[in-house]
Protein backbone atom coordinates (compact mmCIF):
# COMPACT_ATOMS: atom_id res chain seq x y z
CA UNK A 1 211.96 29.23 -67.42
CA UNK A 2 209.98 30.77 -64.61
CA UNK A 3 209.62 29.11 -61.25
CA UNK A 4 207.04 29.88 -58.59
CA UNK A 5 208.50 30.19 -55.12
CA UNK A 6 206.33 29.56 -52.09
CA UNK A 7 207.33 31.34 -48.93
CA UNK A 8 206.56 30.24 -45.41
CA UNK A 9 205.25 33.03 -43.24
CA UNK A 10 206.81 32.90 -39.82
CA UNK A 11 205.31 34.95 -37.03
CA UNK A 12 207.24 37.64 -35.23
CA UNK A 13 208.79 35.85 -32.26
CA UNK A 14 210.22 37.92 -29.42
CA UNK A 15 211.76 36.99 -26.09
CA UNK A 16 209.31 36.90 -23.19
CA UNK A 17 209.80 39.83 -20.87
CA UNK A 18 211.02 42.32 -23.48
CA UNK A 19 209.17 45.60 -23.74
CA UNK A 20 207.95 44.72 -27.25
CA UNK A 21 206.26 41.49 -26.07
CA UNK A 22 203.01 43.28 -25.23
CA UNK A 23 202.96 45.05 -28.62
CA UNK A 24 203.53 41.80 -30.53
CA UNK A 25 200.93 39.81 -28.61
CA UNK A 26 198.31 42.60 -28.35
CA UNK A 27 198.46 43.25 -32.10
CA UNK A 28 198.52 39.51 -32.81
CA UNK A 29 201.51 39.67 -35.12
CA UNK A 30 203.39 36.89 -33.36
CA UNK A 31 204.26 35.26 -30.07
CA UNK A 32 206.72 35.43 -27.20
CA UNK A 33 209.19 32.67 -26.40
CA UNK A 34 211.36 31.87 -23.40
CA UNK A 35 214.11 29.98 -25.24
CA UNK A 36 215.06 28.44 -28.59
CA UNK A 37 213.05 25.29 -27.91
CA UNK A 38 210.01 27.50 -27.39
CA UNK A 39 210.76 29.33 -30.66
CA UNK A 40 210.89 26.00 -32.48
CA UNK A 41 207.65 24.84 -30.88
CA UNK A 42 205.90 28.06 -31.92
CA UNK A 43 207.28 27.94 -35.46
CA UNK A 44 206.22 24.35 -36.14
CA UNK A 45 202.96 24.19 -34.19
CA UNK A 46 201.09 27.27 -35.45
CA UNK A 47 198.27 26.43 -37.84
CA UNK A 48 198.16 27.84 -41.36
CA UNK A 49 195.11 29.90 -40.37
CA UNK A 50 196.96 31.42 -37.40
CA UNK A 51 200.03 32.18 -39.54
CA UNK A 52 197.79 33.80 -42.16
CA UNK A 53 196.18 35.91 -39.44
CA UNK A 54 199.60 37.04 -38.16
CA UNK A 55 200.57 37.97 -41.72
CA UNK A 56 197.32 39.90 -42.28
CA UNK A 57 197.87 41.80 -39.03
CA UNK A 58 201.45 42.67 -40.01
CA UNK A 59 200.18 43.99 -43.35
CA UNK A 60 197.66 46.20 -41.51
CA UNK A 61 200.43 47.70 -39.37
CA UNK A 62 202.87 48.01 -42.28
CA UNK A 63 201.53 51.36 -43.49
CA UNK A 64 201.75 52.83 -39.99
CA UNK A 65 205.47 52.08 -39.93
CA UNK A 66 206.08 53.16 -43.53
CA UNK A 67 204.29 56.47 -42.99
CA UNK A 68 206.08 57.15 -39.70
CA UNK A 69 202.97 57.26 -37.52
CA UNK A 70 204.79 55.91 -34.46
CA UNK A 71 207.66 58.36 -34.88
CA UNK A 72 205.24 61.27 -35.26
CA UNK A 73 203.32 60.22 -32.16
CA UNK A 74 206.55 59.95 -30.15
CA UNK A 75 207.67 63.40 -31.28
CA UNK A 76 204.25 64.93 -30.61
CA UNK A 77 204.08 63.37 -27.13
CA UNK A 78 207.60 64.65 -26.40
CA UNK A 79 206.70 68.18 -27.50
CA UNK A 80 203.54 68.14 -25.38
CA UNK A 81 205.48 66.89 -22.36
CA UNK A 82 208.13 69.60 -22.84
CA UNK A 83 205.43 72.26 -23.24
CA UNK A 84 203.77 71.19 -20.00
CA UNK A 85 207.03 71.64 -18.13
CA UNK A 86 207.46 75.26 -19.22
């Protein structure tokens, strides 16, 4: 017997003030919270449309992470910075 499982999409929730807060909020993949009560409020109050939008934005960024785009950019920027210092 096969059963269909429905999954709830939770947004990425990071602590306010962390360096990744800007990335998460700018790319609209989640929200920032100050404490656990804030995390709970975010998790239960987001609309289905907003959660779907977060999920769609995560899927857009997924290939960048899988293909190592951010790592390549970091390495390239490091090489350029080292070259400028020579």
